[in-house]
Amino acid sequence: MMSPQDWMNEKIQETESIIKATKEQLSALNIPDYVQSLQISSFERRLEDLKREQKEIERVSNKEEMILTMHPPNLPSGQVSVRTFTLVLGGLQNLSDSIANTLFNQPSEKGKIPQDILEQNEFILRETKAGSFKAVLEVKHPEQYTLDEPIQSQIIGELFKLLESSDVPDQLAESISQLGPRTLRNYIEWTKSIKELNTSIELEWTSSFRQPSRISLNVEKAERIFKTLSDFSDTTETEVKITGKLTGANVRIKNFEIVTDEGEKITGRISKDALEKIANLGLNKKCEADLLKVTVIGPANREKVSWTLRDIKLLS
């Protein structure tokens, strides 16, 4: 597949060729210039639109950009304390890292996050601006040769999904159960910092793969989220071995479905170590699977369970 840049370049070249061919045809027919101009004006407007889109793709094609605006109290625009700066930005990085680890490794609280995941998800501070205090952040991804969404925009997409779900306790519980205890811990710490620093924040995200997103987190909202998350802090991780049939698998989005010998349907994420095995396994065959079961207990003892497939093999 072509990259977004190559696809746009091709569309521009096609439009330029159409304009050239149309002009030649109209000139050969001795059509007056003003009539020719009317005939090709729509093509020229289309060409201008494509060139504007091309510039935007070039601007964000190899990176995701976020603007984090902080509103520290009692300081003029363009100033922020070092403590606020490091806690807010560091907390955002930690939260994003834990989400990346869940999506592309496993949701477990145990163990270090693999170095390659950390390197692929590292925010770069490109510049700062006034307007309270704005930090312009980038996270770069490799040059794209396909139209598939890069992992960096998938991670930030999950981050914004989590933030947007935070106003509704049931939705927040669902998101947290899927993203694992490490994400829960980092989200608790981040919202606690925002609350204690008395600093509201805004996040704006620009990507060539998704619509722009913006979300605000004021001090009052951060305190509500912190209190709600504290009720979700009772989590357990259990390693489970089952036998059954793999009835569904999507390697691209890393999801699976297994029906156990007892008839229970289990769905969840595929860890990176199991991706190749599951891709070569085939469906509806007897198999043995090693799973990580993460259970989150929320308010009113509501239980949310998520599953991660860690290993799978065929049974004869």
Protein backbone atom coordinates (compact mmCIF):
# COMPACT_ATOMS: atom_id res chain seq x y z
CA MET A 1 0.00 0.00 0.00
CA MET A 2 1.07 3.60 -0.62
CA SER A 3 1.98 5.95 2.18
CA PRO A 4 -0.37 8.89 2.85
CA GLN A 5 2.24 11.21 1.31
CA ASP A 6 2.57 9.15 -1.89
CA TRP A 7 -1.22 8.82 -2.19
CA MET A 8 -1.61 12.60 -1.94
CA ASN A 9 1.23 13.23 -4.43
CA GLU A 10 -0.50 10.91 -6.91
CA LYS A 11 -3.81 12.78 -6.54
CA ILE A 12 -2.06 16.11 -7.12
CA GLN A 13 -0.32 14.78 -10.24
CA GLU A 14 -3.59 13.38 -11.58
CA THR A 15 -5.35 16.72 -11.06
CA GLU A 16 -2.49 18.65 -12.71
CA SER A 17 -2.65 16.28 -15.70
CA ILE A 18 -6.41 16.80 -15.99
CA ILE A 19 -5.96 20.59 -15.93
CA LYS A 20 -3.24 20.43 -18.61
CA ALA A 21 -5.24 18.09 -20.86
CA THR A 22 -8.39 20.20 -20.49
CA LYS A 23 -6.54 23.39 -21.41
CA GLU A 24 -5.08 21.74 -24.51
CA GLN A 25 -8.48 20.47 -25.62
CA LEU A 26 -10.18 23.83 -25.11
CA SER A 27 -7.37 25.68 -26.91
CA ALA A 28 -7.62 23.29 -29.87
CA LEU A 29 -11.32 24.19 -30.12
CA ASN A 30 -10.47 27.93 -30.10
CA ILE A 31 -12.51 28.45 -26.94
CA PRO A 32 -12.05 32.00 -25.56
CA ASP A 33 -9.71 32.34 -22.59
CA TYR A 34 -12.39 33.52 -20.16
CA VAL A 35 -14.53 30.49 -21.02
CA GLN A 36 -11.53 28.19 -20.58
CA SER A 37 -10.93 29.77 -17.18
CA LEU A 38 -14.50 29.02 -16.15
CA GLN A 39 -14.21 25.44 -17.35
CA ILE A 40 -11.07 24.60 -15.40
CA SER A 41 -11.70 26.72 -12.26
CA SER A 42 -13.22 23.79 -10.37
CA PHE A 43 -10.14 21.63 -11.10
CA GLU A 44 -7.85 24.43 -9.92
CA ARG A 45 -9.80 24.80 -6.67
CA ARG A 46 -9.51 21.05 -6.19
CA LEU A 47 -5.75 21.29 -6.77
CA GLU A 48 -5.43 24.05 -4.16
CA ASP A 49 -7.37 21.93 -1.63
CA LEU A 50 -5.13 18.93 -2.30
CA LYS A 51 -1.97 21.01 -1.84
CA ARG A 52 -3.27 22.32 1.49
CA GLU A 53 -3.98 18.73 2.59
CA GLN A 54 -0.50 17.74 1.41
CA LYS A 55 1.12 20.38 3.62
CA GLU A 56 -0.88 19.19 6.63
CA ILE A 57 0.09 15.55 5.99
CA GLU A 58 3.75 16.56 5.70
CA ARG A 59 3.48 18.51 8.95
CA VAL A 60 2.22 15.60 11.04
CA SER A 61 3.02 12.53 8.93
CA ASN A 62 5.95 11.31 11.01
CA LYS A 63 4.74 12.31 14.45
CA GLU A 64 1.87 12.73 16.82
CA GLU A 65 1.61 16.21 18.35
CA MET A 66 0.05 17.18 21.66
CA ILE A 67 -0.19 20.59 23.31
CA LEU A 68 -0.42 20.33 27.08
CA THR A 69 -1.62 23.58 28.65
CA MET A 70 -1.16 24.04 32.40
CA HIS A 71 -2.90 26.69 34.47
CA PRO A 72 -0.71 27.06 37.58
CA PRO A 73 -2.13 29.39 40.22
CA ASN A 74 -0.55 32.77 41.07
CA LEU A 75 1.84 32.80 38.14
CA PRO A 76 1.74 34.97 34.99
CA SER A 77 1.27 33.53 31.52
CA GLY A 78 4.34 31.65 30.29
CA GLN A 79 5.59 30.65 33.76
CA VAL A 80 5.28 27.38 35.66
CA SER A 81 7.06 25.91 38.67
CA VAL A 82 9.60 23.16 38.05
CA ARG A 83 7.68 20.86 40.41
CA THR A 84 4.42 21.32 38.49
CA PHE A 85 6.19 20.95 35.14
CA THR A 86 7.93 17.69 36.04
CA LEU A 87 5.02 16.05 37.89
CA VAL A 88 2.42 16.83 35.23
CA LEU A 89 4.59 15.93 32.22
CA GLY A 90 6.21 12.95 33.96
CA GLY A 91 2.82 11.65 35.07
CA LEU A 92 1.49 11.92 31.52
CA GLN A 93 4.49 9.99 30.19
CA ASN A 94 4.10 7.26 32.83
CA LEU A 95 0.38 6.92 32.09
CA SER A 96 1.05 6.68 28.36
CA ASP A 97 3.84 4.11 28.92
CA SER A 98 1.53 1.87 30.96
CA ILE A 99 -1.09 2.01 28.20
CA ALA A 100 1.56 1.18 25.59
CA ASN A 101 2.71 -1.78 27.68
CA THR A 102 -0.86 -3.11 27.87
CA LEU A 103 -1.48 -2.72 24.15
CA PHE A 104 1.81 -4.17 22.92
CA ASN A 105 3.07 -6.35 25.76
CA GLN A 106 0.76 -7.28 28.64
CA PRO A 107 -1.30 -5.46 31.29
CA SER A 108 0.56 -6.91 34.26
CA GLU A 109 1.82 -4.69 37.08
CA LYS A 110 4.83 -6.97 37.43
CA GLY A 111 8.12 -6.56 35.60
CA LYS A 112 9.71 -3.76 33.63
CA ILE A 113 8.19 -2.29 30.51
CA PRO A 114 10.30 -3.48 27.53
CA GLN A 115 12.79 -0.89 26.32
CA ASP A 116 11.53 -0.93 22.73
CA ILE A 117 8.04 0.05 23.91
CA LEU A 118 9.45 2.93 25.97
CA GLU A 119 11.52 4.18 23.04
CA GLN A 120 8.57 4.06 20.64
CA ASN A 121 6.38 5.99 23.08
CA GLU A 122 8.74 8.72 24.26
CA PHE A 123 7.32 12.25 24.32
CA ILE A 124 9.68 14.95 23.05
CA LEU A 125 9.33 18.51 24.35
CA ARG A 126 9.61 20.55 21.16
CA GLU A 127 8.83 24.03 22.45
CA THR A 128 7.03 26.00 25.14
CA LYS A 129 4.61 28.87 24.73
CA ALA A 130 2.80 31.46 26.80
CA GLY A 131 -0.97 31.30 27.29
CA SER A 132 -0.81 30.09 30.85
CA PHE A 133 1.98 27.56 30.12
CA LYS A 134 1.90 25.48 26.96
CA ALA A 135 4.20 22.51 26.36
CA VAL A 136 4.26 21.31 22.74
CA LEU A 137 5.00 17.57 22.72
CA GLU A 138 5.81 15.16 19.91
CA VAL A 139 6.02 11.41 19.76
CA LYS A 140 7.61 10.28 16.52
CA HIS A 141 6.83 7.11 14.62
CA PRO A 142 8.77 5.44 11.81
CA GLU A 143 8.19 6.48 8.22
CA GLN A 144 4.86 5.08 7.09
CA TYR A 145 4.71 2.90 3.98
CA THR A 146 1.06 1.99 4.44
CA LEU A 147 -2.15 3.72 5.45
CA ASP A 148 -2.32 1.61 8.63
CA GLU A 149 -2.46 3.54 11.88
CA PRO A 150 0.95 3.59 13.63
CA ILE A 151 1.23 2.28 17.15
CA GLN A 152 1.88 5.76 18.55
CA SER A 153 -1.52 7.08 17.49
CA GLN A 154 -3.15 3.89 18.81
CA ILE A 155 -1.57 4.55 22.21
CA ILE A 156 -2.62 8.19 22.34
CA GLY A 157 -6.07 7.17 21.12
CA GLU A 158 -6.42 4.84 24.12
CA LEU A 159 -5.13 7.60 26.40
CA PHE A 160 -7.83 10.02 25.21
CA LYS A 161 -10.45 7.27 25.38
CA LEU A 162 -9.51 6.76 29.04
CA LEU A 163 -9.65 10.49 29.80
CA GLU A 164 -12.99 10.89 28.01
CA SER A 165 -14.51 7.94 29.90
CA SER A 166 -13.53 9.33 33.28
CA ASP A 167 -16.75 11.30 33.91
CA VAL A 168 -18.84 8.10 34.02
CA PRO A 169 -17.78 5.61 36.74
CA ASP A 170 -18.98 2.52 34.84
CA GLN A 171 -17.14 3.58 31.68
CA LEU A 172 -14.03 4.40 33.70
CA ALA A 173 -14.18 0.97 35.35
CA GLU A 174 -14.45 -0.69 31.93
CA SER A 175 -11.47 1.24 30.56
CA ILE A 176 -9.32 0.60 33.62
CA SER A 177 -10.08 -3.11 33.64
CA GLN A 178 -8.94 -3.32 30.01
CA LEU A 179 -5.80 -1.23 30.54
CA GLY A 180 -4.59 -3.05 33.64
CA PRO A 181 -3.35 -2.30 37.17
CA ARG A 182 -0.21 -0.42 36.07
CA THR A 183 -2.39 2.08 34.21
CA LEU A 184 -4.69 2.31 37.22
CA ARG A 185 -1.78 3.11 39.54
CA ASN A 186 -0.31 5.74 37.21
CA TYR A 187 -3.69 7.38 36.62
CA ILE A 188 -4.26 7.58 40.39
CA GLU A 189 -0.85 9.19 40.90
CA TRP A 190 -1.34 11.65 38.02
CA THR A 191 -4.77 12.88 39.10
CA LYS A 192 -3.53 13.13 42.70
CA SER A 193 -0.65 15.36 41.52
CA ILE A 194 -2.99 17.61 39.52
CA LYS A 195 -5.27 17.92 42.53
CA GLU A 196 -2.47 18.68 45.01
CA LEU A 197 -0.72 21.11 42.63
CA ASN A 198 -4.04 22.95 42.14
CA THR A 199 -3.25 23.10 38.39
CA SER A 200 -5.90 22.51 35.75
CA ILE A 201 -4.72 21.16 32.39
CA GLU A 202 -5.88 20.89 28.79
CA LEU A 203 -4.70 18.40 26.17
CA GLU A 204 -4.98 18.93 22.41
CA TRP A 205 -3.97 16.13 20.03
CA THR A 206 -3.25 16.47 16.31
CA SER A 207 -2.71 13.37 14.17
CA SER A 208 -2.84 12.55 10.47
CA PHE A 209 -4.68 9.32 11.33
CA ARG A 210 -7.52 10.60 13.52
CA GLN A 211 -9.68 13.64 14.03
CA PRO A 212 -8.22 16.31 16.36
CA SER A 213 -9.11 15.74 20.02
CA ARG A 214 -9.21 18.05 22.99
CA ILE A 215 -9.96 17.41 26.64
CA SER A 216 -9.83 19.46 29.84
CA LEU A 217 -9.04 18.24 33.34
CA ASN A 218 -9.65 20.87 35.99
CA VAL A 219 -8.75 20.47 39.64
CA GLU A 220 -12.27 19.52 40.72
CA LYS A 221 -12.56 16.86 38.01
CA ALA A 222 -9.11 15.48 38.87
CA GLU A 223 -10.20 15.12 42.50
CA ARG A 224 -13.39 13.27 41.49
CA ILE A 225 -11.42 10.90 39.27
CA PHE A 226 -8.84 10.32 42.01
CA LYS A 227 -11.54 9.39 44.51
CA THR A 228 -13.27 7.08 42.02
CA LEU A 229 -9.99 5.42 41.03
CA SER A 230 -9.10 4.83 44.66
CA ASP A 231 -12.19 2.60 44.90
CA PHE A 232 -10.86 0.54 41.94
CA SER A 233 -7.50 -0.09 43.56
CA ASP A 234 -8.31 -3.65 44.66
CA THR A 235 -6.89 -5.60 41.71
CA THR A 236 -5.66 -9.15 41.32
CA GLU A 237 -3.64 -10.91 38.62
CA THR A 238 -4.06 -14.63 38.05
CA GLU A 239 -2.30 -16.91 35.58
CA VAL A 240 -4.86 -19.30 34.08
CA LYS A 241 -4.37 -22.31 31.78
CA ILE A 242 -7.38 -23.47 29.73
CA THR A 243 -8.19 -25.85 26.89
CA GLY A 244 -10.73 -25.18 24.19
CA LYS A 245 -11.05 -23.86 20.64
CA LEU A 246 -9.77 -20.61 19.22
CA THR A 247 -12.93 -19.26 17.58
CA GLY A 248 -11.71 -15.80 16.66
CA ALA A 249 -8.47 -13.85 16.25
CA ASN A 250 -7.55 -10.49 14.77
CA VAL A 251 -3.79 -10.05 14.69
CA ARG A 252 -4.02 -6.44 13.46
CA ILE A 253 -5.98 -5.21 16.48
CA LYS A 254 -4.59 -7.98 18.74
CA ASN A 255 -7.89 -9.44 19.92
CA PHE A 256 -8.87 -13.09 20.43
CA GLU A 257 -11.86 -15.26 21.30
CA ILE A 258 -11.67 -18.75 22.82
CA VAL A 259 -14.50 -21.10 23.77
CA THR A 260 -13.38 -23.39 26.58
CA ASP A 261 -14.21 -27.07 26.92
CA GLU A 262 -16.83 -26.03 29.47
CA GLY A 263 -18.50 -23.69 26.95
CA GLU A 264 -17.26 -20.41 28.45
CA LYS A 265 -16.44 -17.69 25.92
CA ILE A 266 -13.30 -15.69 26.73
CA THR A 267 -12.24 -12.61 24.79
CA GLY A 268 -9.34 -10.24 25.27
CA ARG A 269 -5.98 -8.99 24.00
CA ILE A 270 -3.11 -10.94 22.48
CA SER A 271 0.33 -10.30 23.97
CA LYS A 272 3.16 -9.58 21.55
CA ASP A 273 4.84 -12.92 22.37
CA ALA A 274 1.74 -14.86 21.25
CA LEU A 275 1.04 -12.93 18.03
CA GLU A 276 3.08 -15.11 15.67
CA LYS A 277 1.78 -18.34 17.20
CA ILE A 278 -1.85 -17.31 16.96
CA ALA A 279 -1.38 -16.10 13.38
CA ASN A 280 -0.22 -19.58 12.35
CA LEU A 281 -2.64 -21.59 14.45
CA GLY A 282 -5.90 -21.47 12.51
CA LEU A 283 -9.42 -21.35 13.92
CA ASN A 284 -11.66 -23.99 15.52
CA LYS A 285 -8.82 -26.30 16.50
CA LYS A 286 -8.25 -27.84 19.90
CA CYS A 287 -5.67 -25.80 21.79
CA GLU A 288 -4.19 -25.04 25.17
CA ALA A 289 -3.85 -21.38 26.16
CA ASP A 290 -1.99 -19.56 28.92
CA LEU A 291 -3.92 -16.46 29.98
CA LEU A 292 -3.43 -13.58 32.37
CA LYS A 293 -6.66 -12.71 34.16
CA VAL A 294 -6.82 -9.21 35.65
CA THR A 295 -9.70 -8.53 38.03
CA VAL A 296 -10.58 -4.99 39.14
CA ILE A 297 -13.02 -4.50 42.02
CA GLY A 298 -14.80 -1.16 41.85
CA PRO A 299 -17.47 0.66 43.84
CA ALA A 300 -20.27 -1.49 45.29
CA ASN A 301 -17.97 -4.51 44.77
CA ARG A 302 -18.53 -4.46 41.02
CA GLU A 303 -16.08 -6.77 39.31
CA LYS A 304 -14.43 -6.07 35.96
CA VAL A 305 -12.32 -8.79 34.34
CA SER A 306 -9.91 -8.55 31.40
CA TRP A 307 -7.95 -11.34 29.70
CA THR A 308 -4.60 -11.37 27.92
CA LEU A 309 -3.46 -14.35 25.84
CA ARG A 310 0.20 -15.00 26.69
CA ASP A 311 0.81 -18.34 24.94
CA ILE A 312 -1.11 -20.88 22.87
CA LYS A 313 -0.41 -24.28 21.33
CA LEU A 314 -2.26 -26.95 19.40
CA LEU A 315 -3.33 -30.15 21.09
CA SER A 316 -3.19 -33.41 19.20
